[in-house]
Structures are given as C-alpha cells and as structure tokens.
Amino acid sequence: MRVLLQRVSRAEVRIRDGGSARLAGRINRGFLLLVGFTHTDDSARVLWMAEKVVGLRLFADAEDKMNLALADVGGAVLVVSQFTLYGDAQKGRRPSFIDAARPETAIPLYEEFLAALRGRGITVASGEFGAMMDVELVNDGPVTLWLER
C-alpha cells in the first residue's frame, strides 16, 4: 500500500462526467491522500496505514513545531484512489502498472481504508474509485510524505 500525503489548507476532487465535473469531496485543513494498492495488500496493512495517517504530527503547535495531529487541529482527509502510484517507468516510455492491484482486490481495500479512518474519528471525504477525477489543492508548507507498508 502506498500513500502520497500532502498537508493542505484546502482540497477538493471532482468527478469528470462528459463535459462537466461534479464535486465528490472537499476539505479544508488536513491531508490529501493519494492511495494505491498492490497485490499483497491486506486488512492489516490498511489498518496500519490508517493508524499512521491519523497519528502523524504534521501541524504546528503554538511554538511553530510540528507537534499536532489531525484530531488536534480539527483536520480532515480527502482520499483519492490512484493506481498510478504503482507505475514502473524504468523501461521504455510507457509505464507498466502490473504491480497495481486489480479493482476486485483494490476496491474493498480502498473502502476498508475509508472506514478505518472514519472509525478513528476523522472527517473523511473521497473521490470515486476508477473515475476520471480533477483534484485541486492548496499545499500547506508544502509538506509531502511518501508512506508505504
């Protein structure tokens, strides 16, 4: 499981539908999480990642030190599925995505990840698995982390 986490002051995702786009999720202060799954991912990895994300102290305290977690600042997460996190571009000019989990594996893990975050008291917005999406964000910092389990 891979997560590209970006601390944001705001973010939203829109689902492209023909010539228009409908709002699927929007947050203010928090994390935008781009999430990908591979063939060996399971519930244990999903739960570990949810706990890691919720526990990360990436927000400034009164002394401007990164000491506060999402819950401390009333933050939220916007979760967007992104199989391209498992793209391999080492050879040729077109990436290979054979390491990305197929939808029948990835969709239940994605839903489990959303539920695990919500179960930890975090406000969660999300995109739509497999949809073409437009993601808009305002990086805060910027702070970006690559998480993998």
C-alpha atoms as a PDB file:
ATOM      1  CA  MET A   1       0.000   0.000   0.000  1.00  0.00           C
ATOM      2  CA  ARG A   2       1.324   3.392  -0.958  1.00  0.00           C
ATOM      3  CA  VAL A   3       0.090   6.779   0.153  1.00  0.00           C
ATOM      4  CA  LEU A   4       1.300  10.144  -1.041  1.00  0.00           C
ATOM      5  CA  LEU A   5       0.249  12.509   1.740  1.00  0.00           C
ATOM      6  CA  GLN A   6       0.108  16.259   1.231  1.00  0.00           C
ATOM      7  CA  ARG A   7      -0.750  18.660   4.012  1.00  0.00           C
ATOM      8  CA  VAL A   8      -3.313  21.096   2.615  1.00  0.00           C
ATOM      9  CA  SER A   9      -5.160  24.207   3.638  1.00  0.00           C
ATOM     10  CA  ARG A  10      -7.937  23.061   1.290  1.00  0.00           C
ATOM     11  CA  ALA A  11      -8.540  20.399  -1.352  1.00  0.00           C
ATOM     12  CA  GLU A  12     -11.345  19.069  -3.496  1.00  0.00           C
ATOM     13  CA  VAL A  13     -11.975  16.361  -6.031  1.00  0.00           C
ATOM     14  CA  ARG A  14     -14.427  16.468  -8.906  1.00  0.00           C
ATOM     15  CA  ILE A  15     -15.593  13.503 -10.962  1.00  0.00           C
ATOM     16  CA  ARG A  16     -15.449  14.116 -14.693  1.00  0.00           C
ATOM     17  CA  ASP A  17     -18.692  13.224 -16.407  1.00  0.00           C
ATOM     18  CA  GLY A  18     -18.662  14.073 -20.101  1.00  0.00           C
ATOM     19  CA  GLY A  19     -18.138  17.810 -20.460  1.00  0.00           C
ATOM     20  CA  SER A  20     -18.855  18.615 -16.825  1.00  0.00           C
ATOM     21  CA  ALA A  21     -17.474  17.702 -13.428  1.00  0.00           C
ATOM     22  CA  ARG A  22     -19.403  17.112 -10.214  1.00  0.00           C
ATOM     23  CA  LEU A  23     -17.993  17.735  -6.755  1.00  0.00           C
ATOM     24  CA  ALA A  24     -17.278  14.450  -4.962  1.00  0.00           C
ATOM     25  CA  GLY A  25     -15.381  15.656  -1.895  1.00  0.00           C
ATOM     26  CA  ARG A  26     -13.960  18.780  -0.313  1.00  0.00           C
ATOM     27  CA  ILE A  27     -11.975  19.509   2.838  1.00  0.00           C
ATOM     28  CA  ASN A  28     -10.340  22.470   4.450  1.00  0.00           C
ATOM     29  CA  ARG A  29      -7.286  21.973   6.683  1.00  0.00           C
ATOM     30  CA  GLY A  30      -5.970  18.439   6.623  1.00  0.00           C
ATOM     31  CA  PHE A  31      -4.382  15.849   4.347  1.00  0.00           C
ATOM     32  CA  LEU A  32      -4.902  14.953   0.727  1.00  0.00           C
ATOM     33  CA  LEU A  33      -4.123  11.236   0.446  1.00  0.00           C
ATOM     34  CA  LEU A  34      -3.394   9.696  -2.944  1.00  0.00           C
ATOM     35  CA  VAL A  35      -3.726   5.955  -2.303  1.00  0.00           C
ATOM     36  CA  GLY A  36      -2.615   2.925  -4.307  1.00  0.00           C
ATOM     37  CA  PHE A  37      -2.752  -0.802  -3.614  1.00  0.00           C
ATOM     38  CA  THR A  38      -0.677  -3.745  -4.775  1.00  0.00           C
ATOM     39  CA  HIS A  39      -1.376  -7.484  -4.941  1.00  0.00           C
ATOM     40  CA  THR A  40      -0.037  -8.327  -1.480  1.00  0.00           C
ATOM     41  CA  ASP A  41      -2.000  -5.684   0.423  1.00  0.00           C
ATOM     42  CA  ASP A  42      -4.429  -6.846   3.084  1.00  0.00           C
ATOM     43  CA  SER A  43      -6.502  -5.599   6.011  1.00  0.00           C
ATOM     44  CA  ALA A  44      -3.504  -5.481   8.343  1.00  0.00           C
ATOM     45  CA  ARG A  45      -1.694  -3.051   6.030  1.00  0.00           C
ATOM     46  CA  VAL A  46      -4.804  -0.922   5.607  1.00  0.00           C
ATOM     47  CA  LEU A  47      -5.305  -0.647   9.361  1.00  0.00           C
ATOM     48  CA  TRP A  48      -1.620   0.126   9.925  1.00  0.00           C
ATOM     49  CA  MET A  49      -1.773   2.912   7.328  1.00  0.00           C
ATOM     50  CA  ALA A  50      -4.944   4.418   8.796  1.00  0.00           C
ATOM     51  CA  GLU A  51      -3.336   4.486  12.227  1.00  0.00           C
ATOM     52  CA  LYS A  52      -0.150   6.011  10.811  1.00  0.00           C
ATOM     53  CA  VAL A  53      -2.001   8.783   8.951  1.00  0.00           C
ATOM     54  CA  VAL A  54      -4.180   9.693  11.921  1.00  0.00           C
ATOM     55  CA  GLY A  55      -1.227   9.722  14.301  1.00  0.00           C
ATOM     56  CA  LEU A  56       1.199  11.781  12.234  1.00  0.00           C
ATOM     57  CA  ARG A  57       2.053  15.066  13.911  1.00  0.00           C
ATOM     58  CA  LEU A  58       2.452  17.403  10.953  1.00  0.00           C
ATOM     59  CA  PHE A  59       0.694  20.548  12.160  1.00  0.00           C
ATOM     60  CA  ALA A  60       2.365  23.394  14.012  1.00  0.00           C
ATOM     61  CA  ASP A  61       1.801  23.987  17.710  1.00  0.00           C
ATOM     62  CA  ALA A  62       1.988  27.373  19.468  1.00  0.00           C
ATOM     63  CA  GLU A  63       5.805  27.270  19.153  1.00  0.00           C
ATOM     64  CA  ASP A  64       5.606  26.566  15.407  1.00  0.00           C
ATOM     65  CA  LYS A  65       6.844  22.967  15.841  1.00  0.00           C
ATOM     66  CA  MET A  66       5.212  20.035  14.036  1.00  0.00           C
ATOM     67  CA  ASN A  67       3.614  18.529  17.131  1.00  0.00           C
ATOM     68  CA  LEU A  68      -0.103  18.345  16.347  1.00  0.00           C
ATOM     69  CA  ALA A  69      -2.072  15.580  14.628  1.00  0.00           C
ATOM     70  CA  LEU A  70      -5.274  15.802  12.583  1.00  0.00           C
ATOM     71  CA  ALA A  71      -7.558  15.468  15.589  1.00  0.00           C
ATOM     72  CA  ASP A  72      -5.659  18.199  17.461  1.00  0.00           C
ATOM     73  CA  VAL A  73      -6.422  20.749  14.733  1.00  0.00           C
ATOM     74  CA  GLY A  74      -9.869  19.522  13.677  1.00  0.00           C
ATOM     75  CA  GLY A  75      -8.402  18.383  10.377  1.00  0.00           C
ATOM     76  CA  ALA A  76      -9.942  16.152   7.727  1.00  0.00           C
ATOM     77  CA  VAL A  77      -8.686  13.893   4.955  1.00  0.00           C
ATOM     78  CA  LEU A  78      -9.538  13.730   1.279  1.00  0.00           C
ATOM     79  CA  VAL A  79      -8.756  10.254  -0.064  1.00  0.00           C
ATOM     80  CA  VAL A  80      -8.269   9.709  -3.789  1.00  0.00           C
ATOM     81  CA  SER A  81      -7.541   6.294  -5.287  1.00  0.00           C
ATOM     82  CA  GLN A  82      -4.551   6.333  -7.623  1.00  0.00           C
ATOM     83  CA  PHE A  83      -3.313   3.084  -9.125  1.00  0.00           C
ATOM     84  CA  THR A  84      -0.560   5.006 -10.922  1.00  0.00           C
ATOM     85  CA  LEU A  85       1.379   5.109  -7.648  1.00  0.00           C
ATOM     86  CA  TYR A  86       2.410   1.582  -8.646  1.00  0.00           C
ATOM     87  CA  GLY A  87       3.549   2.638 -12.109  1.00  0.00           C
ATOM     88  CA  ASP A  88       7.011   1.453 -13.134  1.00  0.00           C
ATOM     89  CA  ALA A  89       8.693   3.741 -15.673  1.00  0.00           C
ATOM     90  CA  GLN A  90      12.203   2.283 -15.521  1.00  0.00           C
ATOM     91  CA  LYS A  91      11.994   0.816 -19.009  1.00  0.00           C
ATOM     92  CA  GLY A  92      10.614   2.408 -22.123  1.00  0.00           C
ATOM     93  CA  ARG A  93       8.400   5.443 -22.291  1.00  0.00           C
ATOM     94  CA  ARG A  94       5.090   3.945 -21.209  1.00  0.00           C
ATOM     95  CA  PRO A  95       4.810   2.940 -17.548  1.00  0.00           C
ATOM     96  CA  SER A  96       3.866  -0.577 -16.561  1.00  0.00           C
ATOM     97  CA  PHE A  97       1.117  -0.936 -13.977  1.00  0.00           C
ATOM     98  CA  ILE A  98       1.380  -4.668 -13.349  1.00  0.00           C
ATOM     99  CA  ASP A  99       2.197  -4.050  -9.677  1.00  0.00           C
ATOM    100  CA  ALA A 100      -1.115  -2.247  -9.102  1.00  0.00           C
ATOM    101  CA  ALA A 101      -3.879  -4.381  -7.608  1.00  0.00           C
ATOM    102  CA  ARG A 102      -6.822  -5.143  -9.863  1.00  0.00           C
ATOM    103  CA  PRO A 103     -10.114  -3.437  -8.964  1.00  0.00           C
ATOM    104  CA  GLU A 104     -11.624  -6.587  -7.439  1.00  0.00           C
ATOM    105  CA  THR A 105      -8.794  -6.507  -4.875  1.00  0.00           C
ATOM    106  CA  ALA A 106      -8.264  -2.755  -4.580  1.00  0.00           C
ATOM    107  CA  ILE A 107     -11.867  -1.567  -4.205  1.00  0.00           C
ATOM    108  CA  PRO A 108     -12.558  -3.472  -0.955  1.00  0.00           C
ATOM    109  CA  LEU A 109      -9.209  -2.306   0.451  1.00  0.00           C
ATOM    110  CA  TYR A 110      -9.998   1.307  -0.524  1.00  0.00           C
ATOM    111  CA  GLU A 111     -13.402   1.100   1.179  1.00  0.00           C
ATOM    112  CA  GLU A 112     -11.805  -0.501   4.237  1.00  0.00           C
ATOM    113  CA  PHE A 113      -9.251   2.323   4.403  1.00  0.00           C
ATOM    114  CA  LEU A 114     -12.003   4.957   4.306  1.00  0.00           C
ATOM    115  CA  ALA A 115     -13.897   3.126   7.063  1.00  0.00           C
ATOM    116  CA  ALA A 116     -10.741   2.737   9.177  1.00  0.00           C
ATOM    117  CA  LEU A 117     -10.071   6.483   9.010  1.00  0.00           C
ATOM    118  CA  ARG A 118     -13.681   7.300   9.896  1.00  0.00           C
ATOM    119  CA  GLY A 119     -13.522   4.790  12.724  1.00  0.00           C
ATOM    120  CA  ARG A 120     -10.708   6.817  14.246  1.00  0.00           C
ATOM    121  CA  GLY A 121     -12.922   9.906  14.432  1.00  0.00           C
ATOM    122  CA  ILE A 122     -11.539  11.686  11.373  1.00  0.00           C
ATOM    123  CA  THR A 123     -13.750  13.514   8.869  1.00  0.00           C
ATOM    124  CA  VAL A 124     -13.228  11.773   5.533  1.00  0.00           C
ATOM    125  CA  ALA A 125     -14.092  12.904   2.011  1.00  0.00           C
ATOM    126  CA  SER A 126     -13.204  10.867  -1.049  1.00  0.00           C
ATOM    127  CA  GLY A 127     -13.108  10.601  -4.762  1.00  0.00           C
ATOM    128  CA  GLU A 128     -14.629   7.727  -6.683  1.00  0.00           C
ATOM    129  CA  PHE A 129     -12.595   4.603  -7.327  1.00  0.00           C
ATOM    130  CA  GLY A 130     -11.728   4.215 -11.005  1.00  0.00           C
ATOM    131  CA  ALA A 131     -13.279   7.505 -12.109  1.00  0.00           C
ATOM    132  CA  MET A 132     -11.524  10.232 -14.052  1.00  0.00           C
ATOM    133  CA  MET A 133     -11.075  12.982 -11.499  1.00  0.00           C
ATOM    134  CA  ASP A 134      -9.852  16.538 -11.216  1.00  0.00           C
ATOM    135  CA  VAL A 135      -8.033  17.166  -7.940  1.00  0.00           C
ATOM    136  CA  GLU A 136      -7.437  20.704  -6.748  1.00  0.00           C
ATOM    137  CA  LEU A 137      -5.386  21.515  -3.676  1.00  0.00           C
ATOM    138  CA  VAL A 138      -3.526  24.235  -1.879  1.00  0.00           C
ATOM    139  CA  ASN A 139      -0.375  22.788  -0.334  1.00  0.00           C
ATOM    140  CA  ASP A 140       0.339  23.927   3.181  1.00  0.00           C
ATOM    141  CA  GLY A 141       4.080  24.259   3.729  1.00  0.00           C
ATOM    142  CA  PRO A 142       4.434  22.391   1.432  1.00  0.00           C
ATOM    143  CA  VAL A 143       4.539  19.211   3.465  1.00  0.00           C
ATOM    144  CA  THR A 144       4.546  15.970   1.456  1.00  0.00           C
ATOM    145  CA  LEU A 145       5.278  12.448   2.701  1.00  0.00           C
ATOM    146  CA  TRP A 146       5.560   9.107   0.919  1.00  0.00           C
ATOM    147  CA  LEU A 147       4.139   6.339   3.111  1.00  0.00           C
ATOM    148  CA  GLU A 148       4.472   2.689   2.246  1.00  0.00           C
ATOM    149  CA  ARG A 149       3.642  -0.535   4.027  1.00  0.00           C
END
